[in-house]
N, C-alpha and C. Protein backbone atom coordinates (compact mmCIF):
# COMPACT_ATOMS: atom_id res chain seq x y z
N MET A 1 0.84 -1.19 0.00
CA MET A 1 0.00 0.00 0.00
C MET A 1 0.88 1.25 0.00
N PRO A 2 0.45 2.28 -0.70
CA PRO A 2 1.26 3.49 -0.76
C PRO A 2 1.30 4.21 0.58
N ASP A 3 2.37 5.00 0.78
CA ASP A 3 2.51 5.77 2.00
C ASP A 3 1.81 7.12 1.92
N ASN A 4 1.09 7.35 0.84
CA ASN A 4 0.38 8.60 0.63
C ASN A 4 -0.66 8.79 1.73
N PRO A 5 -0.63 9.93 2.46
CA PRO A 5 -1.61 10.14 3.52
C PRO A 5 -3.04 10.28 2.99
N MET A 6 -3.19 10.70 1.75
CA MET A 6 -4.52 10.78 1.15
C MET A 6 -4.87 9.42 0.57
N ASN A 7 -6.10 8.97 0.77
CA ASN A 7 -6.46 7.70 0.15
C ASN A 7 -6.68 7.90 -1.34
N ASP A 8 -6.75 6.81 -2.06
CA ASP A 8 -6.84 6.86 -3.51
C ASP A 8 -8.08 7.60 -4.03
N PHE A 9 -9.09 7.71 -3.23
CA PHE A 9 -10.34 8.31 -3.69
C PHE A 9 -10.50 9.77 -3.28
N ASP A 10 -9.65 10.27 -2.41
CA ASP A 10 -9.81 11.63 -1.89
C ASP A 10 -9.86 12.69 -3.00
N GLU A 11 -8.99 12.57 -3.97
CA GLU A 11 -8.92 13.58 -5.03
C GLU A 11 -10.20 13.62 -5.85
N ILE A 12 -10.70 12.48 -6.26
CA ILE A 12 -11.92 12.46 -7.07
C ILE A 12 -13.13 12.89 -6.24
N ILE A 13 -13.17 12.49 -4.98
CA ILE A 13 -14.28 12.92 -4.12
C ILE A 13 -14.24 14.43 -3.95
N ALA A 14 -13.06 14.99 -3.79
CA ALA A 14 -12.93 16.46 -3.69
C ALA A 14 -13.46 17.14 -4.96
N GLU A 15 -13.18 16.56 -6.13
CA GLU A 15 -13.70 17.13 -7.38
C GLU A 15 -15.22 17.06 -7.44
N ILE A 16 -15.77 15.95 -6.99
CA ILE A 16 -17.23 15.79 -6.97
C ILE A 16 -17.85 16.83 -6.03
N ILE A 17 -17.28 16.99 -4.84
CA ILE A 17 -17.79 17.94 -3.86
C ILE A 17 -17.70 19.37 -4.40
N LYS A 18 -16.59 19.70 -5.05
CA LYS A 18 -16.43 21.03 -5.64
C LYS A 18 -17.51 21.28 -6.69
N PHE A 19 -17.72 20.32 -7.56
CA PHE A 19 -18.75 20.42 -8.59
C PHE A 19 -20.12 20.65 -7.95
N ARG A 20 -20.43 19.83 -6.92
CA ARG A 20 -21.71 19.95 -6.22
C ARG A 20 -21.85 21.30 -5.55
N ASP A 21 -20.83 21.72 -4.83
CA ASP A 21 -20.91 22.96 -4.06
C ASP A 21 -20.98 24.20 -4.94
N GLU A 22 -20.30 24.18 -6.09
CA GLU A 22 -20.37 25.31 -7.02
C GLU A 22 -21.80 25.53 -7.52
N ARG A 23 -22.60 24.49 -7.51
CA ARG A 23 -23.98 24.56 -7.98
C ARG A 23 -24.99 24.65 -6.84
N ASP A 24 -24.51 24.68 -5.61
CA ASP A 24 -25.37 24.74 -4.42
C ASP A 24 -26.36 23.58 -4.39
N TRP A 25 -25.87 22.39 -4.69
CA TRP A 25 -26.72 21.21 -4.70
C TRP A 25 -26.67 20.42 -3.39
N LYS A 26 -25.78 20.78 -2.48
CA LYS A 26 -25.67 20.02 -1.23
C LYS A 26 -27.02 19.97 -0.50
N GLN A 27 -27.79 21.04 -0.64
CA GLN A 27 -29.11 21.09 0.02
C GLN A 27 -30.03 19.96 -0.43
N PHE A 28 -29.79 19.39 -1.60
CA PHE A 28 -30.62 18.31 -2.12
C PHE A 28 -30.04 16.93 -1.85
N HIS A 29 -28.82 16.90 -1.32
CA HIS A 29 -28.09 15.64 -1.21
C HIS A 29 -28.18 15.03 0.18
N ASN A 30 -29.39 14.73 0.62
CA ASN A 30 -29.55 13.98 1.86
C ASN A 30 -29.38 12.49 1.53
N PRO A 31 -29.09 11.67 2.53
CA PRO A 31 -28.83 10.26 2.25
C PRO A 31 -29.95 9.54 1.50
N LYS A 32 -31.18 9.84 1.84
CA LYS A 32 -32.31 9.19 1.16
C LYS A 32 -32.31 9.51 -0.32
N ASP A 33 -32.22 10.77 -0.67
CA ASP A 33 -32.27 11.15 -2.08
C ASP A 33 -31.03 10.69 -2.84
N LEU A 34 -29.89 10.68 -2.19
CA LEU A 34 -28.69 10.15 -2.83
C LEU A 34 -28.84 8.66 -3.11
N ALA A 35 -29.43 7.92 -2.17
CA ALA A 35 -29.66 6.49 -2.37
C ALA A 35 -30.66 6.25 -3.50
N ILE A 36 -31.69 7.07 -3.57
CA ILE A 36 -32.66 6.95 -4.66
C ILE A 36 -31.98 7.24 -5.99
N ALA A 37 -31.19 8.30 -6.05
CA ALA A 37 -30.47 8.64 -7.28
C ALA A 37 -29.52 7.51 -7.68
N LEU A 38 -28.85 6.93 -6.71
CA LEU A 38 -27.96 5.80 -6.99
C LEU A 38 -28.74 4.64 -7.60
N ASN A 39 -29.89 4.35 -7.04
CA ASN A 39 -30.72 3.27 -7.56
C ASN A 39 -31.20 3.56 -8.98
N ILE A 40 -31.58 4.78 -9.25
CA ILE A 40 -32.01 5.16 -10.59
C ILE A 40 -30.87 4.96 -11.59
N GLU A 41 -29.66 5.38 -11.20
CA GLU A 41 -28.51 5.23 -12.10
C GLU A 41 -28.18 3.77 -12.34
N THR A 42 -28.32 2.92 -11.31
CA THR A 42 -28.05 1.50 -11.52
C THR A 42 -29.11 0.90 -12.44
N SER A 43 -30.34 1.39 -12.34
CA SER A 43 -31.39 0.94 -13.26
C SER A 43 -31.08 1.36 -14.69
N GLU A 44 -30.54 2.55 -14.86
CA GLU A 44 -30.15 3.00 -16.19
C GLU A 44 -29.03 2.14 -16.76
N LEU A 45 -28.12 1.68 -15.89
CA LEU A 45 -27.08 0.76 -16.32
C LEU A 45 -27.71 -0.55 -16.77
N LEU A 46 -28.62 -1.08 -15.98
CA LEU A 46 -29.28 -2.33 -16.34
C LEU A 46 -30.01 -2.22 -17.67
N GLU A 47 -30.62 -1.07 -17.91
CA GLU A 47 -31.37 -0.87 -19.14
C GLU A 47 -30.48 -1.04 -20.39
N LEU A 48 -29.21 -0.70 -20.25
CA LEU A 48 -28.29 -0.84 -21.38
C LEU A 48 -28.10 -2.30 -21.81
N PHE A 49 -28.38 -3.23 -20.91
CA PHE A 49 -28.21 -4.65 -21.20
C PHE A 49 -29.54 -5.34 -21.53
N LEU A 50 -30.63 -4.64 -21.37
CA LEU A 50 -31.96 -5.25 -21.56
C LEU A 50 -32.15 -5.72 -22.99
N TRP A 51 -32.56 -6.94 -23.13
CA TRP A 51 -32.93 -7.55 -24.41
C TRP A 51 -31.75 -7.77 -25.36
N LYS A 52 -30.54 -7.81 -24.81
CA LYS A 52 -29.37 -8.10 -25.65
C LYS A 52 -28.35 -8.88 -24.84
N ASP A 53 -27.40 -9.47 -25.54
CA ASP A 53 -26.33 -10.14 -24.80
C ASP A 53 -25.35 -9.08 -24.29
N ALA A 54 -24.63 -9.42 -23.26
CA ALA A 54 -23.77 -8.45 -22.56
C ALA A 54 -22.79 -7.76 -23.49
N GLU A 55 -22.28 -8.47 -24.47
CA GLU A 55 -21.29 -7.91 -25.38
C GLU A 55 -21.89 -6.83 -26.30
N SER A 56 -23.22 -6.80 -26.42
CA SER A 56 -23.88 -5.84 -27.31
C SER A 56 -24.15 -4.49 -26.66
N ALA A 57 -23.94 -4.39 -25.37
CA ALA A 57 -24.19 -3.12 -24.68
C ALA A 57 -23.21 -2.06 -25.17
N ASN A 58 -23.69 -0.83 -25.26
CA ASN A 58 -22.87 0.29 -25.70
C ASN A 58 -21.87 0.62 -24.58
N LYS A 59 -20.60 0.38 -24.83
CA LYS A 59 -19.57 0.56 -23.78
C LYS A 59 -19.46 2.00 -23.32
N GLU A 60 -19.63 2.96 -24.22
CA GLU A 60 -19.56 4.38 -23.83
C GLU A 60 -20.68 4.73 -22.87
N LYS A 61 -21.88 4.21 -23.14
CA LYS A 61 -23.00 4.47 -22.23
C LYS A 61 -22.82 3.75 -20.91
N VAL A 62 -22.25 2.55 -20.94
CA VAL A 62 -21.95 1.83 -19.70
C VAL A 62 -20.98 2.67 -18.86
N LYS A 63 -19.96 3.22 -19.51
CA LYS A 63 -18.98 4.05 -18.82
C LYS A 63 -19.66 5.26 -18.17
N GLU A 64 -20.57 5.91 -18.89
CA GLU A 64 -21.27 7.08 -18.36
C GLU A 64 -22.12 6.71 -17.15
N GLU A 65 -22.84 5.60 -17.24
CA GLU A 65 -23.69 5.20 -16.12
C GLU A 65 -22.84 4.80 -14.91
N LEU A 66 -21.73 4.11 -15.15
CA LEU A 66 -20.84 3.77 -14.03
C LEU A 66 -20.31 5.02 -13.34
N ALA A 67 -19.98 6.03 -14.12
CA ALA A 67 -19.50 7.29 -13.53
C ALA A 67 -20.58 7.89 -12.63
N ASP A 68 -21.83 7.88 -13.08
CA ASP A 68 -22.93 8.38 -12.26
C ASP A 68 -23.09 7.55 -10.99
N ILE A 69 -23.01 6.23 -11.13
CA ILE A 69 -23.14 5.34 -9.98
C ILE A 69 -22.04 5.60 -8.96
N PHE A 70 -20.79 5.66 -9.42
CA PHE A 70 -19.68 5.93 -8.51
C PHE A 70 -19.85 7.29 -7.84
N THR A 71 -20.29 8.27 -8.60
CA THR A 71 -20.45 9.62 -8.05
C THR A 71 -21.44 9.61 -6.89
N TYR A 72 -22.61 9.03 -7.10
CA TYR A 72 -23.59 8.99 -6.02
C TYR A 72 -23.12 8.14 -4.85
N ALA A 73 -22.44 7.04 -5.13
CA ALA A 73 -21.92 6.21 -4.04
C ALA A 73 -20.89 6.98 -3.22
N PHE A 74 -20.00 7.70 -3.89
CA PHE A 74 -19.01 8.51 -3.18
C PHE A 74 -19.67 9.61 -2.37
N LEU A 75 -20.73 10.22 -2.91
CA LEU A 75 -21.44 11.26 -2.17
C LEU A 75 -22.10 10.71 -0.90
N ILE A 76 -22.64 9.49 -1.00
CA ILE A 76 -23.23 8.86 0.18
C ILE A 76 -22.14 8.59 1.22
N ALA A 77 -21.01 8.05 0.77
CA ALA A 77 -19.90 7.79 1.69
C ALA A 77 -19.44 9.09 2.35
N GLU A 78 -19.32 10.14 1.57
CA GLU A 78 -18.89 11.44 2.11
C GLU A 78 -19.90 11.96 3.12
N LYS A 79 -21.18 11.78 2.85
CA LYS A 79 -22.24 12.25 3.74
C LYS A 79 -22.11 11.62 5.12
N TYR A 80 -21.74 10.34 5.15
CA TYR A 80 -21.62 9.62 6.42
C TYR A 80 -20.19 9.65 6.98
N GLY A 81 -19.27 10.28 6.29
CA GLY A 81 -17.90 10.34 6.77
C GLY A 81 -17.15 9.03 6.63
N PHE A 82 -17.57 8.18 5.69
CA PHE A 82 -16.91 6.90 5.48
C PHE A 82 -15.68 7.08 4.61
N ASP A 83 -14.61 6.38 4.94
CA ASP A 83 -13.44 6.31 4.09
C ASP A 83 -13.69 5.16 3.11
N VAL A 84 -13.75 5.46 1.83
CA VAL A 84 -14.11 4.47 0.81
C VAL A 84 -13.15 3.29 0.84
N ASN A 85 -11.86 3.55 0.93
CA ASN A 85 -10.89 2.45 1.00
C ASN A 85 -11.17 1.54 2.19
N ASP A 86 -11.43 2.15 3.34
CA ASP A 86 -11.67 1.36 4.55
C ASP A 86 -12.92 0.50 4.44
N ILE A 87 -14.02 1.08 3.96
CA ILE A 87 -15.26 0.29 3.92
C ILE A 87 -15.18 -0.84 2.90
N ILE A 88 -14.45 -0.62 1.81
CA ILE A 88 -14.28 -1.70 0.82
C ILE A 88 -13.40 -2.80 1.41
N ARG A 89 -12.32 -2.41 2.04
CA ARG A 89 -11.44 -3.43 2.65
C ARG A 89 -12.16 -4.20 3.75
N GLU A 90 -12.97 -3.52 4.56
CA GLU A 90 -13.75 -4.20 5.60
C GLU A 90 -14.70 -5.22 4.98
N LYS A 91 -15.34 -4.84 3.88
CA LYS A 91 -16.28 -5.75 3.22
C LYS A 91 -15.56 -6.95 2.60
N ILE A 92 -14.38 -6.72 2.06
CA ILE A 92 -13.59 -7.83 1.52
C ILE A 92 -13.25 -8.83 2.62
N LYS A 93 -12.88 -8.32 3.81
CA LYS A 93 -12.58 -9.20 4.94
C LYS A 93 -13.80 -10.02 5.34
N ILE A 94 -14.95 -9.37 5.42
CA ILE A 94 -16.20 -10.07 5.76
C ILE A 94 -16.50 -11.15 4.73
N ASN A 95 -16.37 -10.78 3.44
CA ASN A 95 -16.67 -11.74 2.38
C ASN A 95 -15.66 -12.87 2.31
N SER A 96 -14.42 -12.61 2.72
CA SER A 96 -13.43 -13.69 2.70
C SER A 96 -13.76 -14.77 3.73
N VAL A 97 -14.44 -14.38 4.79
CA VAL A 97 -14.89 -15.36 5.78
C VAL A 97 -16.13 -16.10 5.25
N LYS A 98 -17.05 -15.35 4.65
CA LYS A 98 -18.28 -15.95 4.11
C LYS A 98 -18.00 -16.84 2.89
N TYR A 99 -16.98 -16.49 2.13
CA TYR A 99 -16.66 -17.20 0.90
C TYR A 99 -15.20 -17.68 0.92
N PRO A 100 -14.88 -18.67 1.75
CA PRO A 100 -13.49 -19.16 1.79
C PRO A 100 -13.11 -19.74 0.43
N VAL A 101 -11.87 -19.52 0.03
CA VAL A 101 -11.40 -19.93 -1.29
C VAL A 101 -11.67 -21.41 -1.53
N ASP A 102 -11.39 -22.25 -0.55
CA ASP A 102 -11.53 -23.69 -0.76
C ASP A 102 -12.97 -24.12 -1.03
N LYS A 103 -13.94 -23.32 -0.63
CA LYS A 103 -15.34 -23.66 -0.88
C LYS A 103 -15.95 -22.84 -2.02
N ALA A 104 -15.49 -21.63 -2.20
CA ALA A 104 -16.14 -20.72 -3.15
C ALA A 104 -15.50 -20.69 -4.53
N ARG A 105 -14.30 -21.16 -4.64
CA ARG A 105 -13.57 -21.07 -5.91
C ARG A 105 -14.34 -21.77 -7.04
N GLY A 106 -14.64 -21.01 -8.08
CA GLY A 106 -15.27 -21.57 -9.28
C GLY A 106 -16.76 -21.81 -9.18
N THR A 107 -17.40 -21.34 -8.12
CA THR A 107 -18.84 -21.54 -7.98
C THR A 107 -19.53 -20.20 -7.72
N ALA A 108 -20.76 -20.07 -8.19
CA ALA A 108 -21.53 -18.86 -7.98
C ALA A 108 -22.54 -19.03 -6.84
N LYS A 109 -22.39 -20.10 -6.08
CA LYS A 109 -23.31 -20.34 -4.97
C LYS A 109 -23.17 -19.26 -3.91
N LYS A 110 -24.30 -18.96 -3.27
CA LYS A 110 -24.30 -18.03 -2.17
C LYS A 110 -23.64 -18.68 -0.95
N TYR A 111 -23.11 -17.86 -0.06
CA TYR A 111 -22.34 -18.37 1.08
C TYR A 111 -23.09 -19.41 1.90
N ASP A 112 -24.42 -19.27 2.01
CA ASP A 112 -25.17 -20.22 2.83
C ASP A 112 -25.46 -21.53 2.08
N GLU A 113 -24.99 -21.63 0.84
CA GLU A 113 -25.15 -22.86 0.07
C GLU A 113 -23.81 -23.59 -0.12
N LEU A 114 -22.72 -23.00 0.36
CA LEU A 114 -21.40 -23.62 0.18
C LEU A 114 -21.21 -24.80 1.11
C-alpha cells in the first residue's frame, strides 16, 4: 500500500464535492435522495443490457452510467464520513470469511449454500 496520507479516492471525491458545491446542490443531497439517485442510475445501467447479450451493450453508455453510480456512491460515503478504501477493505474481509477460497472457488453459490 502506498505511504500517501490521502487515500486513492480523496482527489476524485474532492472534485465531486467542488462540482456539487459550485452549484449549491448540497441542500438536495440527503442520504435518502442520494440512495434513490444511486438506484435510478443502476437501473439506467441495467437498461443498457436489456434484451441483448452483454457484449452488445454500448460501452460508452456503460462508462457514463458507471460514472454516475460511482459519483452517487461517493457522495453517500462522504455524507456519512466513510473512508471508501476502509469500507471496501472491511467488506472484503467479511466476504473472505463468508466465501473461503476452498469452498467458493469456481462456484456462484451463495455463502449459505457452500
